[in-house]
Amino acid sequence: MVFLAGLWAERTFALVVRDACIGAVVGGLAGQWFWNHVLDAMRVTIAVKRAAMDVAAKAQRQKKAEAVANKVRK
């Protein structure tokens, strides 16, 4: 895109290629930064969901244990 814009602006070919290369590097770094933030958000979401599932499973086990204990007492 930068390459075509440079050609359309009638700049010299060397400047167009230089600007396109710089744009590609900056775009790549920005994309990598963004993707790392997306992956971090996914990791946090998975960790929160896993913790919630563990709490729910523990509560379910405790509820079953209390039910068994109540039956044994009777």
PDB file of N, CA and C in Angstrom:
ATOM      1  N   MET A   1       0.821  -1.180   0.000  1.00  0.00           N
ATOM      2  CA  MET A   1       0.000   0.000   0.000  1.00  0.00           C
ATOM      3  C   MET A   1       0.872   1.253   0.000  1.00  0.00           C
ATOM      4  N   VAL A   2       1.913   1.234   0.831  1.00  0.00           N
ATOM      5  CA  VAL A   2       2.836   2.365   0.862  1.00  0.00           C
ATOM      6  C   VAL A   2       3.556   2.478  -0.471  1.00  0.00           C
ATOM      7  N   PHE A   3       3.883   1.335  -1.045  1.00  0.00           N
ATOM      8  CA  PHE A   3       4.565   1.325  -2.335  1.00  0.00           C
ATOM      9  C   PHE A   3       3.706   1.983  -3.410  1.00  0.00           C
ATOM     10  N   LEU A   4       2.449   1.585  -3.478  1.00  0.00           N
ATOM     11  CA  LEU A   4       1.555   2.156  -4.483  1.00  0.00           C
ATOM     12  C   LEU A   4       1.299   3.643  -4.228  1.00  0.00           C
ATOM     13  N   ALA A   5       1.177   4.026  -2.969  1.00  0.00           N
ATOM     14  CA  ALA A   5       0.967   5.440  -2.652  1.00  0.00           C
ATOM     15  C   ALA A   5       2.180   6.265  -3.053  1.00  0.00           C
ATOM     16  N   GLY A   6       3.368   5.716  -2.845  1.00  0.00           N
ATOM     17  CA  GLY A   6       4.579   6.423  -3.242  1.00  0.00           C
ATOM     18  C   GLY A   6       4.689   6.583  -4.740  1.00  0.00           C
ATOM     19  N   LEU A   7       4.340   5.521  -5.472  1.00  0.00           N
ATOM     20  CA  LEU A   7       4.368   5.622  -6.931  1.00  0.00           C
ATOM     21  C   LEU A   7       3.328   6.622  -7.428  1.00  0.00           C
ATOM     22  N   TRP A   8       2.156   6.604  -6.801  1.00  0.00           N
ATOM     23  CA  TRP A   8       1.091   7.529  -7.190  1.00  0.00           C
ATOM     24  C   TRP A   8       1.483   8.974  -6.910  1.00  0.00           C
ATOM     25  N   ALA A   9       2.285   9.203  -5.870  1.00  0.00           N
ATOM     26  CA  ALA A   9       2.746  10.549  -5.531  1.00  0.00           C
ATOM     27  C   ALA A   9       3.940  10.975  -6.385  1.00  0.00           C
ATOM     28  N   GLU A  10       4.374  10.101  -7.275  1.00  0.00           N
ATOM     29  CA  GLU A  10       5.469  10.370  -8.215  1.00  0.00           C
ATOM     30  C   GLU A  10       6.790  10.655  -7.503  1.00  0.00           C
ATOM     31  N   ARG A  11       7.068   9.889  -6.463  1.00  0.00           N
ATOM     32  CA  ARG A  11       8.361   9.984  -5.774  1.00  0.00           C
ATOM     33  C   ARG A  11       9.356   9.108  -6.506  1.00  0.00           C
ATOM     34  N   THR A  12      10.628   9.253  -6.199  1.00  0.00           N
ATOM     35  CA  THR A  12      11.638   8.416  -6.851  1.00  0.00           C
ATOM     36  C   THR A  12      11.488   6.982  -6.372  1.00  0.00           C
ATOM     37  N   PHE A  13      11.905   6.051  -7.219  1.00  0.00           N
ATOM     38  CA  PHE A  13      11.721   4.638  -6.927  1.00  0.00           C
ATOM     39  C   PHE A  13      12.461   4.222  -5.655  1.00  0.00           C
ATOM     40  N   ALA A  14      13.648   4.744  -5.440  1.00  0.00           N
ATOM     41  CA  ALA A  14      14.431   4.389  -4.246  1.00  0.00           C
ATOM     42  C   ALA A  14      13.705   4.809  -2.968  1.00  0.00           C
ATOM     43  N   LEU A  15      13.117   5.994  -2.962  1.00  0.00           N
ATOM     44  CA  LEU A  15      12.380   6.443  -1.784  1.00  0.00           C
ATOM     45  C   LEU A  15      11.115   5.619  -1.567  1.00  0.00           C
ATOM     46  N   VAL A  16      10.480   5.249  -2.664  1.00  0.00           N
ATOM     47  CA  VAL A  16       9.267   4.441  -2.563  1.00  0.00           C
ATOM     48  C   VAL A  16       9.594   3.081  -1.944  1.00  0.00           C
ATOM     49  N   VAL A  17      10.655   2.457  -2.405  1.00  0.00           N
ATOM     50  CA  VAL A  17      11.053   1.145  -1.875  1.00  0.00           C
ATOM     51  C   VAL A  17      11.466   1.266  -0.416  1.00  0.00           C
ATOM     52  N   ARG A  18      12.221   2.314  -0.070  1.00  0.00           N
ATOM     53  CA  ARG A  18      12.640   2.518   1.321  1.00  0.00           C
ATOM     54  C   ARG A  18      11.432   2.692   2.233  1.00  0.00           C
ATOM     55  N   ASP A  19      10.505   3.540   1.816  1.00  0.00           N
ATOM     56  CA  ASP A  19       9.318   3.780   2.633  1.00  0.00           C
ATOM     57  C   ASP A  19       8.473   2.515   2.771  1.00  0.00           C
ATOM     58  N   ALA A  20       8.380   1.741   1.700  1.00  0.00           N
ATOM     59  CA  ALA A  20       7.605   0.498   1.759  1.00  0.00           C
ATOM     60  C   ALA A  20       8.266  -0.499   2.710  1.00  0.00           C
ATOM     61  N   CYS A  21       9.573  -0.571   2.696  1.00  0.00           N
ATOM     62  CA  CYS A  21      10.284  -1.481   3.615  1.00  0.00           C
ATOM     63  C   CYS A  21      10.089  -1.053   5.064  1.00  0.00           C
ATOM     64  N   ILE A  22      10.211   0.233   5.322  1.00  0.00           N
ATOM     65  CA  ILE A  22       9.994   0.735   6.687  1.00  0.00           C
ATOM     66  C   ILE A  22       8.558   0.466   7.120  1.00  0.00           C
ATOM     67  N   GLY A  23       7.608   0.683   6.232  1.00  0.00           N
ATOM     68  CA  GLY A  23       6.210   0.412   6.546  1.00  0.00           C
ATOM     69  C   GLY A  23       5.970  -1.055   6.840  1.00  0.00           C
ATOM     70  N   ALA A  24       6.632  -1.938   6.109  1.00  0.00           N
ATOM     71  CA  ALA A  24       6.468  -3.371   6.337  1.00  0.00           C
ATOM     72  C   ALA A  24       7.027  -3.778   7.696  1.00  0.00           C
ATOM     73  N   VAL A  25       8.189  -3.241   8.052  1.00  0.00           N
ATOM     74  CA  VAL A  25       8.791  -3.564   9.348  1.00  0.00           C
ATOM     75  C   VAL A  25       7.923  -3.045  10.495  1.00  0.00           C
ATOM     76  N   VAL A  26       7.487  -1.808  10.389  1.00  0.00           N
ATOM     77  CA  VAL A  26       6.652  -1.218  11.444  1.00  0.00           C
ATOM     78  C   VAL A  26       5.318  -1.969  11.541  1.00  0.00           C
ATOM     79  N   GLY A  27       4.732  -2.296  10.409  1.00  0.00           N
ATOM     80  CA  GLY A  27       3.483  -3.051  10.415  1.00  0.00           C
ATOM     81  C   GLY A  27       3.659  -4.436  11.030  1.00  0.00           C
ATOM     82  N   GLY A  28       4.764  -5.075  10.730  1.00  0.00           N
ATOM     83  CA  GLY A  28       5.043  -6.390  11.313  1.00  0.00           C
ATOM     84  C   GLY A  28       5.218  -6.325  12.819  1.00  0.00           C
ATOM     85  N   LEU A  29       5.941  -5.323  13.294  1.00  0.00           N
ATOM     86  CA  LEU A  29       6.128  -5.162  14.742  1.00  0.00           C
ATOM     87  C   LEU A  29       4.811  -4.839  15.439  1.00  0.00           C
ATOM     88  N   ALA A  30       3.999  -3.990  14.823  1.00  0.00           N
ATOM     89  CA  ALA A  30       2.704  -3.653  15.411  1.00  0.00           C
ATOM     90  C   ALA A  30       1.798  -4.888  15.435  1.00  0.00           C
ATOM     91  N   GLY A  31       1.821  -5.677  14.381  1.00  0.00           N
ATOM     92  CA  GLY A  31       1.024  -6.899  14.348  1.00  0.00           C
ATOM     93  C   GLY A  31       1.474  -7.899  15.393  1.00  0.00           C
ATOM     94  N   GLN A  32       2.781  -8.029  15.566  1.00  0.00           N
ATOM     95  CA  GLN A  32       3.303  -8.941  16.581  1.00  0.00           C
ATOM     96  C   GLN A  32       2.906  -8.463  17.980  1.00  0.00           C
ATOM     97  N   TRP A  33       2.999  -7.187  18.256  1.00  0.00           N
ATOM     98  CA  TRP A  33       2.600  -6.622  19.548  1.00  0.00           C
ATOM     99  C   TRP A  33       1.127  -6.900  19.810  1.00  0.00           C
ATOM    100  N   PHE A  34       0.293  -6.632  18.814  1.00  0.00           N
ATOM    101  CA  PHE A  34      -1.149  -6.855  18.970  1.00  0.00           C
ATOM    102  C   PHE A  34      -1.448  -8.328  19.213  1.00  0.00           C
ATOM    103  N   TRP A  35      -0.829  -9.218  18.447  1.00  0.00           N
ATOM    104  CA  TRP A  35      -1.099 -10.639  18.588  1.00  0.00           C
ATOM    105  C   TRP A  35      -0.661 -11.139  19.965  1.00  0.00           C
ATOM    106  N   ASN A  36       0.456 -10.630  20.484  1.00  0.00           N
ATOM    107  CA  ASN A  36       0.887 -11.021  21.826  1.00  0.00           C
ATOM    108  C   ASN A  36      -0.139 -10.609  22.872  1.00  0.00           C
ATOM    109  N   HIS A  37      -0.747  -9.441  22.704  1.00  0.00           N
ATOM    110  CA  HIS A  37      -1.788  -9.010  23.641  1.00  0.00           C
ATOM    111  C   HIS A  37      -3.036  -9.887  23.517  1.00  0.00           C
ATOM    112  N   VAL A  38      -3.361 -10.305  22.315  1.00  0.00           N
ATOM    113  CA  VAL A  38      -4.506 -11.203  22.122  1.00  0.00           C
ATOM    114  C   VAL A  38      -4.235 -12.536  22.817  1.00  0.00           C
ATOM    115  N   LEU A  39      -3.030 -13.075  22.648  1.00  0.00           N
ATOM    116  CA  LEU A  39      -2.694 -14.347  23.291  1.00  0.00           C
ATOM    117  C   LEU A  39      -2.698 -14.223  24.809  1.00  0.00           C
ATOM    118  N   ASP A  40      -2.184 -13.112  25.341  1.00  0.00           N
ATOM    119  CA  ASP A  40      -2.209 -12.907  26.788  1.00  0.00           C
ATOM    120  C   ASP A  40      -3.641 -12.851  27.310  1.00  0.00           C
ATOM    121  N   ALA A  41      -4.512 -12.184  26.589  1.00  0.00           N
ATOM    122  CA  ALA A  41      -5.915 -12.109  26.999  1.00  0.00           C
ATOM    123  C   ALA A  41      -6.554 -13.497  26.970  1.00  0.00           C
ATOM    124  N   MET A  42      -6.222 -14.299  25.974  1.00  0.00           N
ATOM    125  CA  MET A  42      -6.755 -15.657  25.907  1.00  0.00           C
ATOM    126  C   MET A  42      -6.257 -16.494  27.083  1.00  0.00           C
ATOM    127  N   ARG A  43      -4.983 -16.355  27.436  1.00  0.00           N
ATOM    128  CA  ARG A  43      -4.435 -17.093  28.574  1.00  0.00           C
ATOM    129  C   ARG A  43      -5.137 -16.722  29.873  1.00  0.00           C
ATOM    130  N   VAL A  44      -5.364 -15.429  30.068  1.00  0.00           N
ATOM    131  CA  VAL A  44      -6.046 -14.978  31.278  1.00  0.00           C
ATOM    132  C   VAL A  44      -7.473 -15.512  31.316  1.00  0.00           C
ATOM    133  N   THR A  45      -8.159 -15.454  30.190  1.00  0.00           N
ATOM    134  CA  THR A  45      -9.535 -15.951  30.125  1.00  0.00           C
ATOM    135  C   THR A  45      -9.594 -17.433  30.448  1.00  0.00           C
ATOM    136  N   ILE A  46      -8.683 -18.205  29.884  1.00  0.00           N
ATOM    137  CA  ILE A  46      -8.652 -19.647  30.149  1.00  0.00           C
ATOM    138  C   ILE A  46      -8.353 -19.911  31.619  1.00  0.00           C
ATOM    139  N   ALA A  47      -7.416 -19.161  32.197  1.00  0.00           N
ATOM    140  CA  ALA A  47      -7.084 -19.346  33.609  1.00  0.00           C
ATOM    141  C   ALA A  47      -8.276 -19.027  34.502  1.00  0.00           C
ATOM    142  N   VAL A  48      -9.007 -17.964  34.197  1.00  0.00           N
ATOM    143  CA  VAL A  48     -10.176 -17.595  35.000  1.00  0.00           C
ATOM    144  C   VAL A  48     -11.263 -18.668  34.881  1.00  0.00           C
ATOM    145  N   LYS A  49     -11.508 -19.135  33.662  1.00  0.00           N
ATOM    146  CA  LYS A  49     -12.525 -20.171  33.475  1.00  0.00           C
ATOM    147  C   LYS A  49     -12.131 -21.461  34.183  1.00  0.00           C
ATOM    148  N   ARG A  50     -10.854 -21.824  34.114  1.00  0.00           N
ATOM    149  CA  ARG A  50     -10.387 -23.041  34.776  1.00  0.00           C
ATOM    150  C   ARG A  50     -10.534 -22.914  36.285  1.00  0.00           C
ATOM    151  N   ALA A  51     -10.217 -21.746  36.827  1.00  0.00           N
ATOM    152  CA  ALA A  51     -10.366 -21.534  38.271  1.00  0.00           C
ATOM    153  C   ALA A  51     -11.826 -21.623  38.683  1.00  0.00           C
ATOM    154  N   ALA A  52     -12.717 -21.055  37.878  1.00  0.00           N
ATOM    155  CA  ALA A  52     -14.145 -21.126  38.184  1.00  0.00           C
ATOM    156  C   ALA A  52     -14.638 -22.574  38.128  1.00  0.00           C
ATOM    157  N   MET A  53     -14.164 -23.338  37.164  1.00  0.00           N
ATOM    158  CA  MET A  53     -14.557 -24.741  37.065  1.00  0.00           C
ATOM    159  C   MET A  53     -14.041 -25.538  38.265  1.00  0.00           C
ATOM    160  N   ASP A  54     -12.823 -25.237  38.711  1.00  0.00           N
ATOM    161  CA  ASP A  54     -12.270 -25.919  39.881  1.00  0.00           C
ATOM    162  C   ASP A  54     -13.081 -25.616  41.134  1.00  0.00           C
ATOM    163  N   VAL A  55     -13.479 -24.371  41.300  1.00  0.00           N
ATOM    164  CA  VAL A  55     -14.295 -23.986  42.455  1.00  0.00           C
ATOM    165  C   VAL A  55     -15.645 -24.694  42.404  1.00  0.00           C
ATOM    166  N   ALA A  56     -16.261 -24.736  41.226  1.00  0.00           N
ATOM    167  CA  ALA A  56     -17.552 -25.408  41.085  1.00  0.00           C
ATOM    168  C   ALA A  56     -17.422 -26.906  41.357  1.00  0.00           C
ATOM    169  N   ALA A  57     -16.345 -27.527  40.873  1.00  0.00           N
ATOM    170  CA  ALA A  57     -16.140 -28.960  41.101  1.00  0.00           C
ATOM    171  C   ALA A  57     -15.907 -29.232  42.581  1.00  0.00           C
ATOM    172  N   LYS A  58     -15.153 -28.375  43.246  1.00  0.00           N
ATOM    173  CA  LYS A  58     -14.904 -28.545  44.675  1.00  0.00           C
ATOM    174  C   LYS A  58     -16.206 -28.411  45.461  1.00  0.00           C
ATOM    175  N   ALA A  59     -17.038 -27.446  45.091  1.00  0.00           N
ATOM    176  CA  ALA A  59     -18.323 -27.267  45.771  1.00  0.00           C
ATOM    177  C   ALA A  59     -19.223 -28.483  45.541  1.00  0.00           C
ATOM    178  N   GLN A  60     -19.196 -29.033  44.343  1.00  0.00           N
ATOM    179  CA  GLN A  60     -19.999 -30.218  44.034  1.00  0.00           C
ATOM    180  C   GLN A  60     -19.523 -31.418  44.848  1.00  0.00           C
ATOM    181  N   ARG A  61     -18.212 -31.605  44.950  1.00  0.00           N
ATOM    182  CA  ARG A  61     -17.669 -32.712  45.753  1.00  0.00           C
ATOM    183  C   ARG A  61     -18.045 -32.549  47.217  1.00  0.00           C
ATOM    184  N   GLN A  62     -17.955 -31.321  47.706  1.00  0.00           N
ATOM    185  CA  GLN A  62     -18.288 -31.061  49.102  1.00  0.00           C
ATOM    186  C   GLN A  62     -19.781 -31.328  49.356  1.00  0.00           C
ATOM    187  N   LYS A  63     -20.616 -30.951  48.418  1.00  0.00           N
ATOM    188  CA  LYS A  63     -22.055 -31.178  48.556  1.00  0.00           C
ATOM    189  C   LYS A  63     -22.354 -32.678  48.585  1.00  0.00           C
ATOM    190  N   LYS A  64     -21.685 -33.446  47.722  1.00  0.00           N
ATOM    191  CA  LYS A  64     -21.879 -34.899  47.722  1.00  0.00           C
ATOM    192  C   LYS A  64     -21.385 -35.512  49.026  1.00  0.00           C
ATOM    193  N   ALA A  65     -20.257 -35.037  49.523  1.00  0.00           N
ATOM    194  CA  ALA A  65     -19.706 -35.564  50.777  1.00  0.00           C
ATOM    195  C   ALA A  65     -20.653 -35.275  51.938  1.00  0.00           C
ATOM    196  N   GLU A  66     -21.262 -34.105  51.967  1.00  0.00           N
ATOM    197  CA  GLU A  66     -22.215 -33.769  53.020  1.00  0.00           C
ATOM    198  C   GLU A  66     -23.457 -34.648  52.923  1.00  0.00           C
ATOM    199  N   ALA A  67     -23.907 -34.929  51.727  1.00  0.00           N
ATOM    200  CA  ALA A  67     -25.074 -35.788  51.544  1.00  0.00           C
ATOM    201  C   ALA A  67     -24.792 -37.194  52.036  1.00  0.00           C
ATOM    202  N   VAL A  68     -23.612 -37.714  51.728  1.00  0.00           N
ATOM    203  CA  VAL A  68     -23.226 -39.060  52.183  1.00  0.00           C
ATOM    204  C   VAL A  68     -23.099 -39.073  53.703  1.00  0.00           C
ATOM    205  N   ALA A  69     -22.513 -38.028  54.277  1.00  0.00           N
ATOM    206  CA  ALA A  69     -22.361 -37.952  55.735  1.00  0.00           C
ATOM    207  C   ALA A  69     -23.712 -37.900  56.421  1.00  0.00           C
ATOM    208  N   ASN A  70     -24.669 -37.200  55.848  1.00  0.00           N
ATOM    209  CA  ASN A  70     -26.009 -37.122  56.431  1.00  0.00           C
ATOM    210  C   ASN A  70     -26.716 -38.478  56.378  1.00  0.00           C
ATOM    211  N   LYS A  71     -26.509 -39.239  55.310  1.00  0.00           N
ATOM    212  CA  LYS A  71     -27.112 -40.561  55.201  1.00  0.00           C
ATOM    213  C   LYS A  71     -26.511 -41.519  56.218  1.00  0.00           C
ATOM    214  N   VAL A  72     -25.198 -41.400  56.437  1.00  0.00           N
ATOM    215  CA  VAL A  72     -24.528 -42.286  57.382  1.00  0.00           C
ATOM    216  C   VAL A  72     -25.001 -42.010  58.800  1.00  0.00           C
ATOM    217  N   ARG A  73     -25.251 -40.765  59.144  1.00  0.00           N
ATOM    218  CA  ARG A  73     -25.695 -40.388  60.479  1.00  0.00           C
ATOM    219  C   ARG A  73     -27.086 -40.933  60.781  1.00  0.00           C
ATOM    220  N   LYS A  74     -27.921 -41.037  59.778  1.00  0.00           N
ATOM    221  CA  LYS A  74     -29.301 -41.462  60.003  1.00  0.00           C
ATOM    222  C   LYS A  74     -29.403 -42.925  60.134  1.00  0.00           C
TER     223      LYS A  74
END
